[in-house]
PDB file of all heavy atoms in Angstrom:
ATOM      1  N   SER A   1      -1.858   7.059  12.070  1.00  0.00           N
ATOM      2  CA  SER A   1      -2.871   8.111  11.977  1.00  0.00           C
ATOM      3  C   SER A   1      -3.264   8.552  13.375  1.00  0.00           C
ATOM      4  O   SER A   1      -3.544   7.727  14.239  1.00  0.00           O
ATOM      5  CB  SER A   1      -4.104   7.585  11.239  1.00  0.00           C
ATOM      6  OG  SER A   1      -5.169   8.500  11.381  1.00  0.00           O
ATOM      7  N   THR A   2      -3.269   9.853  13.635  1.00  0.00           N
ATOM      8  CA  THR A   2      -3.545  10.340  14.981  1.00  0.00           C
ATOM      9  C   THR A   2      -4.892  11.030  15.099  1.00  0.00           C
ATOM     10  O   THR A   2      -5.151  11.703  16.081  1.00  0.00           O
ATOM     11  CB  THR A   2      -2.448  11.344  15.426  1.00  0.00           C
ATOM     12  OG1 THR A   2      -2.539  12.509  14.604  1.00  0.00           O
ATOM     13  CG2 THR A   2      -1.077  10.745  15.301  1.00  0.00           C
ATOM     14  N   SER A   3      -5.756  10.899  14.110  1.00  0.00           N
ATOM     15  CA  SER A   3      -7.020  11.625  14.154  1.00  0.00           C
ATOM     16  C   SER A   3      -7.880  11.222  15.344  1.00  0.00           C
ATOM     17  O   SER A   3      -8.722  11.986  15.779  1.00  0.00           O
ATOM     18  CB  SER A   3      -7.802  11.399  12.855  1.00  0.00           C
ATOM     19  OG  SER A   3      -7.998  10.020  12.628  1.00  0.00           O
ATOM     20  N   ASN A   4      -7.679  10.022  15.900  1.00  0.00           N
ATOM     21  CA  ASN A   4      -8.445   9.573  17.061  1.00  0.00           C
ATOM     22  C   ASN A   4      -7.572   9.340  18.292  1.00  0.00           C
ATOM     23  O   ASN A   4      -7.959   8.638  19.206  1.00  0.00           O
ATOM     24  CB  ASN A   4      -9.189   8.270  16.722  1.00  0.00           C
ATOM     25  CG  ASN A   4     -10.225   8.475  15.643  1.00  0.00           C
ATOM     26  OD1 ASN A   4     -10.983   9.424  15.707  1.00  0.00           O
ATOM     27  ND2 ASN A   4     -10.243   7.605  14.650  1.00  0.00           N
ATOM     28  N   PHE A   5      -6.387   9.918  18.320  1.00  0.00           N
ATOM     29  CA  PHE A   5      -5.492   9.759  19.463  1.00  0.00           C
ATOM     30  C   PHE A   5      -5.870  10.769  20.530  1.00  0.00           C
ATOM     31  O   PHE A   5      -5.460  11.929  20.500  1.00  0.00           O
ATOM     32  CB  PHE A   5      -4.033   9.951  19.057  1.00  0.00           C
ATOM     33  CG  PHE A   5      -3.437   8.769  18.327  1.00  0.00           C
ATOM     34  CD1 PHE A   5      -2.334   8.938  17.512  1.00  0.00           C
ATOM     35  CD2 PHE A   5      -3.956   7.498  18.471  1.00  0.00           C
ATOM     36  CE1 PHE A   5      -1.762   7.856  16.856  1.00  0.00           C
ATOM     37  CE2 PHE A   5      -3.399   6.415  17.825  1.00  0.00           C
ATOM     38  CZ  PHE A   5      -2.301   6.595  16.999  1.00  0.00           C
ATOM     39  N   THR A   6      -6.639  10.340  21.515  1.00  0.00           N
ATOM     40  CA  THR A   6      -7.175  11.271  22.503  1.00  0.00           C
ATOM     41  C   THR A   6      -6.098  11.865  23.393  1.00  0.00           C
ATOM     42  O   THR A   6      -6.217  13.006  23.831  1.00  0.00           O
ATOM     43  CB  THR A   6      -8.224  10.554  23.379  1.00  0.00           C
ATOM     44  OG1 THR A   6      -7.635   9.378  23.951  1.00  0.00           O
ATOM     45  CG2 THR A   6      -9.414  10.142  22.538  1.00  0.00           C
ATOM     46  N   ASN A   7      -5.018  11.139  23.678  1.00  0.00           N
ATOM     47  CA  ASN A   7      -4.026  11.662  24.622  1.00  0.00           C
ATOM     48  C   ASN A   7      -2.948  12.498  23.952  1.00  0.00           C
ATOM     49  O   ASN A   7      -1.972  12.876  24.582  1.00  0.00           O
ATOM     50  CB  ASN A   7      -3.382  10.534  25.441  1.00  0.00           C
ATOM     51  CG  ASN A   7      -2.573   9.578  24.583  1.00  0.00           C
ATOM     52  OD1 ASN A   7      -2.489   9.746  23.370  1.00  0.00           O
ATOM     53  ND2 ASN A   7      -1.996   8.578  25.215  1.00  0.00           N
ATOM     54  N   LEU A   8      -3.104  12.819  22.673  1.00  0.00           N
ATOM     55  CA  LEU A   8      -2.153  13.689  21.988  1.00  0.00           C
ATOM     56  C   LEU A   8      -2.701  15.085  21.758  1.00  0.00           C
ATOM     57  O   LEU A   8      -2.019  15.933  21.204  1.00  0.00           O
ATOM     58  CB  LEU A   8      -1.748  13.090  20.637  1.00  0.00           C
ATOM     59  CG  LEU A   8      -0.933  11.810  20.690  1.00  0.00           C
ATOM     60  CD1 LEU A   8      -0.575  11.368  19.277  1.00  0.00           C
ATOM     61  CD2 LEU A   8       0.331  11.996  21.500  1.00  0.00           C
ATOM     62  N   LYS A   9      -3.923  15.367  22.197  1.00  0.00           N
ATOM     63  CA  LYS A   9      -4.539  16.659  21.925  1.00  0.00           C
ATOM     64  C   LYS A   9      -3.704  17.856  22.394  1.00  0.00           C
ATOM     65  O   LYS A   9      -3.694  18.889  21.731  1.00  0.00           O
ATOM     66  CB  LYS A   9      -5.944  16.712  22.531  1.00  0.00           C
ATOM     67  CG  LYS A   9      -6.934  15.787  21.815  1.00  0.00           C
ATOM     68  CD  LYS A   9      -8.335  15.975  22.336  1.00  0.00           C
ATOM     69  CE  LYS A   9      -9.289  14.986  21.681  1.00  0.00           C
ATOM     70  NZ  LYS A   9      -9.377  15.160  20.234  1.00  0.00           N
ATOM     71  N   PRO A  10      -2.966  17.795  23.516  1.00  0.00           N
ATOM     72  CA  PRO A  10      -2.164  18.952  23.914  1.00  0.00           C
ATOM     73  C   PRO A  10      -1.088  19.326  22.903  1.00  0.00           C
ATOM     74  O   PRO A  10      -0.576  20.441  22.926  1.00  0.00           O
ATOM     75  CB  PRO A  10      -1.540  18.498  25.243  1.00  0.00           C
ATOM     76  CG  PRO A  10      -2.464  17.471  25.759  1.00  0.00           C
ATOM     77  CD  PRO A  10      -2.967  16.747  24.548  1.00  0.00           C
ATOM     78  N   PHE A  11      -0.711  18.395  22.007  1.00  0.00           N
ATOM     79  CA  PHE A  11       0.358  18.663  21.056  1.00  0.00           C
ATOM     80  C   PHE A  11      -0.163  19.197  19.727  1.00  0.00           C
ATOM     81  O   PHE A  11       0.614  19.628  18.889  1.00  0.00           O
ATOM     82  CB  PHE A  11       1.175  17.392  20.806  1.00  0.00           C
ATOM     83  CG  PHE A  11       1.830  16.864  22.043  1.00  0.00           C
ATOM     84  CD1 PHE A  11       1.213  15.876  22.801  1.00  0.00           C
ATOM     85  CD2 PHE A  11       3.044  17.361  22.471  1.00  0.00           C
ATOM     86  CE1 PHE A  11       1.814  15.390  23.949  1.00  0.00           C
ATOM     87  CE2 PHE A  11       3.644  16.884  23.616  1.00  0.00           C
ATOM     88  CZ  PHE A  11       3.034  15.898  24.360  1.00  0.00           C
ATOM     89  N   PHE A  12      -1.478  19.171  19.518  1.00  0.00           N
ATOM     90  CA  PHE A  12      -2.027  19.581  18.236  1.00  0.00           C
ATOM     91  C   PHE A  12      -1.990  21.101  18.116  1.00  0.00           C
ATOM     92  O   PHE A  12      -2.359  21.819  19.035  1.00  0.00           O
ATOM     93  CB  PHE A  12      -3.468  19.097  18.079  1.00  0.00           C
ATOM     94  CG  PHE A  12      -3.601  17.601  17.996  1.00  0.00           C
ATOM     95  CD1 PHE A  12      -4.838  17.001  18.125  1.00  0.00           C
ATOM     96  CD2 PHE A  12      -2.500  16.801  17.782  1.00  0.00           C
ATOM     97  CE1 PHE A  12      -4.981  15.627  18.036  1.00  0.00           C
ATOM     98  CE2 PHE A  12      -2.634  15.423  17.696  1.00  0.00           C
ATOM     99  CZ  PHE A  12      -3.866  14.836  17.825  1.00  0.00           C
ATOM    100  N   CYS A  13      -1.545  21.590  16.958  1.00  0.00           N
ATOM    101  CA  CYS A  13      -1.480  23.038  16.766  1.00  0.00           C
ATOM    102  C   CYS A  13      -2.712  23.571  16.058  1.00  0.00           C
ATOM    103  O   CYS A  13      -2.865  24.769  15.895  1.00  0.00           O
ATOM    104  CB  CYS A  13      -0.216  23.414  16.008  1.00  0.00           C
ATOM    105  SG  CYS A  13      -0.009  22.555  14.463  1.00  0.00           S
ATOM    106  N   SER A  14      -3.595  22.700  15.570  1.00  0.00           N
ATOM    107  CA  SER A  14      -4.863  23.114  14.989  1.00  0.00           C
ATOM    108  C   SER A  14      -5.770  21.893  14.957  1.00  0.00           C
ATOM    109  O   SER A  14      -5.359  20.796  15.290  1.00  0.00           O
ATOM    110  CB  SER A  14      -4.658  23.665  13.575  1.00  0.00           C
ATOM    111  OG  SER A  14      -4.269  22.623  12.693  1.00  0.00           O
ATOM    112  N   THR A  15      -7.013  22.076  14.572  1.00  0.00           N
ATOM    113  CA  THR A  15      -7.890  20.925  14.412  1.00  0.00           C
ATOM    114  C   THR A  15      -7.781  20.424  12.987  1.00  0.00           C
ATOM    115  O   THR A  15      -7.689  21.201  12.045  1.00  0.00           O
ATOM    116  CB  THR A  15      -9.343  21.304  14.725  1.00  0.00           C
ATOM    117  OG1 THR A  15      -9.739  22.351  13.854  1.00  0.00           O
ATOM    118  CG2 THR A  15      -9.483  21.752  16.170  1.00  0.00           C
ATOM    119  N   GLY A  16      -7.788  19.124  12.798  1.00  0.00           N
ATOM    120  CA  GLY A  16      -7.658  18.591  11.455  1.00  0.00           C
ATOM    121  C   GLY A  16      -7.279  17.129  11.477  1.00  0.00           C
ATOM    122  O   GLY A  16      -7.689  16.379  12.350  1.00  0.00           O
ATOM    123  N   ILE A  17      -6.474  16.719  10.508  1.00  0.00           N
ATOM    124  CA  ILE A  17      -6.032  15.342  10.370  1.00  0.00           C
ATOM    125  C   ILE A  17      -4.540  15.292  10.630  1.00  0.00           C
ATOM    126  O   ILE A  17      -3.769  16.092  10.094  1.00  0.00           O
ATOM    127  CB  ILE A  17      -6.345  14.811   8.957  1.00  0.00           C
ATOM    128  CG1 ILE A  17      -7.853  14.891   8.693  1.00  0.00           C
ATOM    129  CG2 ILE A  17      -5.866  13.367   8.807  1.00  0.00           C
ATOM    130  CD1 ILE A  17      -8.234  14.569   7.271  1.00  0.00           C
ATOM    131  N   TYR A  18      -4.110  14.325  11.442  1.00  0.00           N
ATOM    132  CA  TYR A  18      -2.722  14.254  11.867  1.00  0.00           C
ATOM    133  C   TYR A  18      -2.153  12.864  11.629  1.00  0.00           C
ATOM    134  O   TYR A  18      -2.862  11.872  11.685  1.00  0.00           O
ATOM    135  CB  TYR A  18      -2.596  14.598  13.358  1.00  0.00           C
ATOM    136  CG  TYR A  18      -3.257  15.902  13.721  1.00  0.00           C
ATOM    137  CD1 TYR A  18      -4.582  15.917  14.132  1.00  0.00           C
ATOM    138  CD2 TYR A  18      -2.566  17.099  13.622  1.00  0.00           C
ATOM    139  CE1 TYR A  18      -5.207  17.106  14.433  1.00  0.00           C
ATOM    140  CE2 TYR A  18      -3.184  18.295  13.933  1.00  0.00           C
ATOM    141  CZ  TYR A  18      -4.501  18.302  14.339  1.00  0.00           C
ATOM    142  OH  TYR A  18      -5.132  19.479  14.635  1.00  0.00           O
ATOM    143  N   VAL A  19      -0.863  12.819  11.397  1.00  0.00           N
ATOM    144  CA  VAL A  19      -0.152  11.554  11.249  1.00  0.00           C
ATOM    145  C   VAL A  19       1.067  11.589  12.162  1.00  0.00           C
ATOM    146  O   VAL A  19       1.845  12.558  12.148  1.00  0.00           O
ATOM    147  CB  VAL A  19       0.290  11.320   9.789  1.00  0.00           C
ATOM    148  CG1 VAL A  19       1.189  10.099   9.686  1.00  0.00           C
ATOM    149  CG2 VAL A  19      -0.926  11.143   8.884  1.00  0.00           C
ATOM    150  N   MET A  20       1.228  10.544  12.963  1.00  0.00           N
ATOM    151  CA  MET A  20       2.423  10.406  13.788  1.00  0.00           C
ATOM    152  C   MET A  20       3.438   9.565  13.032  1.00  0.00           C
ATOM    153  O   MET A  20       3.112   8.531  12.460  1.00  0.00           O
ATOM    154  CB  MET A  20       2.097   9.736  15.127  1.00  0.00           C
ATOM    155  CG  MET A  20       3.345   9.413  15.942  1.00  0.00           C
ATOM    156  SD  MET A  20       2.988   8.559  17.503  1.00  0.00           S
ATOM    157  CE  MET A  20       2.730   9.976  18.561  1.00  0.00           C
ATOM    158  N   VAL A  21       4.684  10.020  13.023  1.00  0.00           N
ATOM    159  CA  VAL A  21       5.798   9.291  12.414  1.00  0.00           C
ATOM    160  C   VAL A  21       6.832   9.071  13.508  1.00  0.00           C
ATOM    161  O   VAL A  21       7.255  10.028  14.164  1.00  0.00           O
ATOM    162  CB  VAL A  21       6.419  10.086  11.248  1.00  0.00           C
ATOM    163  CG1 VAL A  21       7.551   9.293  10.601  1.00  0.00           C
ATOM    164  CG2 VAL A  21       5.360  10.430  10.214  1.00  0.00           C
ATOM    165  N   THR A  22       7.243   7.814  13.703  1.00  0.00           N
ATOM    166  CA  THR A  22       8.173   7.544  14.797  1.00  0.00           C
ATOM    167  C   THR A  22       9.167   6.441  14.447  1.00  0.00           C
ATOM    168  O   THR A  22       8.838   5.517  13.699  1.00  0.00           O
ATOM    169  CB  THR A  22       7.395   7.161  16.087  1.00  0.00           C
ATOM    170  OG1 THR A  22       8.313   7.048  17.179  1.00  0.00           O
ATOM    171  CG2 THR A  22       6.636   5.863  15.928  1.00  0.00           C
ATOM    172  N   THR A  23      10.385   6.576  14.969  1.00  0.00           N
ATOM    173  CA  THR A  23      11.501   5.624  14.852  1.00  0.00           C
ATOM    174  C   THR A  23      11.889   5.376  13.397  1.00  0.00           C
ATOM    175  O   THR A  23      11.528   6.142  12.504  1.00  0.00           O
ATOM    176  CB  THR A  23      11.196   4.293  15.573  1.00  0.00           C
ATOM    177  OG1 THR A  23      10.139   3.588  14.909  1.00  0.00           O
ATOM    178  CG2 THR A  23      10.789   4.537  17.014  1.00  0.00           C
ATOM    179  N   GLY A  24      12.676   4.322  13.137  1.00  0.00           N
ATOM    180  CA  GLY A  24      13.120   3.987  11.789  1.00  0.00           C
ATOM    181  C   GLY A  24      14.585   4.311  11.553  1.00  0.00           C
ATOM    182  O   GLY A  24      15.292   4.792  12.439  1.00  0.00           O
ATOM    183  N   ALA A  25      15.062   4.028  10.351  1.00  0.00           N
ATOM    184  CA  ALA A  25      16.432   4.305   9.947  1.00  0.00           C
ATOM    185  C   ALA A  25      16.461   5.646   9.197  1.00  0.00           C
ATOM    186  O   ALA A  25      15.450   6.054   8.617  1.00  0.00           O
ATOM    187  CB  ALA A  25      16.953   3.178   9.060  1.00  0.00           C
ATOM    188  N   PRO A  26      17.612   6.366   9.222  1.00  0.00           N
ATOM    189  CA  PRO A  26      18.901   6.023   9.822  1.00  0.00           C
ATOM    190  C   PRO A  26      18.905   6.213  11.340  1.00  0.00           C
ATOM    191  O   PRO A  26      17.877   6.586  11.919  1.00  0.00           O
ATOM    192  CB  PRO A  26      19.862   6.993   9.140  1.00  0.00           C
ATOM    193  CG  PRO A  26      19.013   8.209   8.897  1.00  0.00           C
ATOM    194  CD  PRO A  26      17.666   7.679   8.532  1.00  0.00           C
ATOM    195  N   THR A  27      20.053   6.003  11.951  1.00  0.00           N
ATOM    196  CA  THR A  27      20.165   6.090  13.407  1.00  0.00           C
ATOM    197  C   THR A  27      19.704   7.439  13.932  1.00  0.00           C
ATOM    198  O   THR A  27      19.122   7.528  15.017  1.00  0.00           O
ATOM    199  CB  THR A  27      21.616   5.825  13.839  1.00  0.00           C
ATOM    200  OG1 THR A  27      22.012   4.531  13.359  1.00  0.00           O
ATOM    201  CG2 THR A  27      21.770   5.859  15.351  1.00  0.00           C
ATOM    202  N   SER A  28      19.919   8.505  13.174  1.00  0.00           N
ATOM    203  CA  SER A  28      19.544   9.843  13.622  1.00  0.00           C
ATOM    204  C   SER A  28      18.031  10.001  13.822  1.00  0.00           C
ATOM    205  O   SER A  28      17.593  10.887  14.554  1.00  0.00           O
ATOM    206  CB  SER A  28      20.048  10.894  12.629  1.00  0.00           C
ATOM    207  OG  SER A  28      19.511  10.659  11.340  1.00  0.00           O
ATOM    208  N   SER A  29      17.227   9.151  13.180  1.00  0.00           N
ATOM    209  CA  SER A  29      15.771   9.230  13.352  1.00  0.00           C
ATOM    210  C   SER A  29      15.210   8.084  14.175  1.00  0.00           C
ATOM    211  O   SER A  29      14.000   8.001  14.391  1.00  0.00           O
ATOM    212  CB  SER A  29      15.080   9.255  11.987  1.00  0.00           C
ATOM    213  OG  SER A  29      15.266   8.037  11.302  1.00  0.00           O
ATOM    214  N   ALA A  30      16.075   7.192  14.669  1.00  0.00           N
ATOM    215  CA  ALA A  30      15.623   5.951  15.304  1.00  0.00           C
ATOM    216  C   ALA A  30      14.940   6.149  16.647  1.00  0.00           C
ATOM    217  O   ALA A  30      14.287   5.231  17.152  1.00  0.00           O
ATOM    218  CB  ALA A  30      16.797   4.978  15.468  1.00  0.00           C
ATOM    219  N   THR A  31      15.069   7.338  17.255  1.00  0.00           N
ATOM    220  CA  THR A  31      14.367   7.630  18.511  1.00  0.00           C
ATOM    221  C   THR A  31      13.423   8.818  18.370  1.00  0.00           C
ATOM    222  O   THR A  31      12.830   9.246  19.361  1.00  0.00           O
ATOM    223  CB  THR A  31      15.353   7.921  19.657  1.00  0.00           C
ATOM    224  OG1 THR A  31      16.135   9.078  19.317  1.00  0.00           O
ATOM    225  CG2 THR A  31      16.276   6.741  19.918  1.00  0.00           C
ATOM    226  N   LYS A  32      13.278   9.350  17.177  1.00  0.00           N
ATOM    227  CA  LYS A  32      12.535  10.596  16.986  1.00  0.00           C
ATOM    228  C   LYS A  32      11.076  10.340  16.628  1.00  0.00           C
ATOM    229  O   LYS A  32      10.745   9.416  15.888  1.00  0.00           O
ATOM    230  CB  LYS A  32      13.186  11.448  15.893  1.00  0.00           C
ATOM    231  CG  LYS A  32      14.633  11.834  16.197  1.00  0.00           C
ATOM    232  CD  LYS A  32      14.742  12.614  17.497  1.00  0.00           C
ATOM    233  CE  LYS A  32      16.185  13.017  17.791  1.00  0.00           C
ATOM    234  NZ  LYS A  32      16.274  13.715  19.091  1.00  0.00           N
ATOM    235  N   THR A  33      10.207  11.203  17.159  1.00  0.00           N
ATOM    236  CA  THR A  33       8.779  11.137  16.895  1.00  0.00           C
ATOM    237  C   THR A  33       8.286  12.522  16.489  1.00  0.00           C
ATOM    238  O   THR A  33       8.651  13.510  17.113  1.00  0.00           O
ATOM    239  CB  THR A  33       8.002  10.665  18.135  1.00  0.00           C
ATOM    240  OG1 THR A  33       8.470   9.373  18.513  1.00  0.00           O
ATOM    241  CG2 THR A  33       6.509  10.599  17.866  1.00  0.00           C
ATOM    242  N   GLU A  34       7.471  12.579  15.440  1.00  0.00           N
ATOM    243  CA  GLU A  34       6.922  13.841  14.966  1.00  0.00           C
ATOM    244  C   GLU A  34       5.429  13.671  14.677  1.00  0.00           C
ATOM    245  O   GLU A  34       4.970  12.574  14.391  1.00  0.00           O
ATOM    246  CB  GLU A  34       7.614  14.291  13.674  1.00  0.00           C
ATOM    247  CG  GLU A  34       9.120  14.407  13.786  1.00  0.00           C
ATOM    248  CD  GLU A  34       9.756  14.628  12.423  1.00  0.00           C
ATOM    249  OE1 GLU A  34       9.397  15.621  11.751  1.00  0.00           O
ATOM    250  OE2 GLU A  34      10.593  13.810  12.021  1.00  0.00           O
ATOM    251  N   ILE A  35       4.693  14.786  14.734  1.00  0.00           N
ATOM    252  CA  ILE A  35       3.294  14.810  14.309  1.00  0.00           C
ATOM    253  C   ILE A  35       3.172  15.767  13.131  1.00  0.00           C
ATOM    254  O   ILE A  35       3.610  16.907  13.204  1.00  0.00           O
ATOM    255  CB  ILE A  35       2.357  15.250  15.440  1.00  0.00           C
ATOM    256  CG1 ILE A  35       2.271  14.170  16.520  1.00  0.00           C
ATOM    257  CG2 ILE A  35       0.959  15.523  14.902  1.00  0.00           C
ATOM    258  CD1 ILE A  35       1.393  14.547  17.683  1.00  0.00           C
TER     259      ILE A  35
END
């Protein structure tokens, strides 16, 4: 949950509730991070 992530504010496209999703399988997503 990124609602209190202070150092991610430059990446937010609006005000609201955000979730960060990062890494995992398969290999194509193992280095990827999204908000």
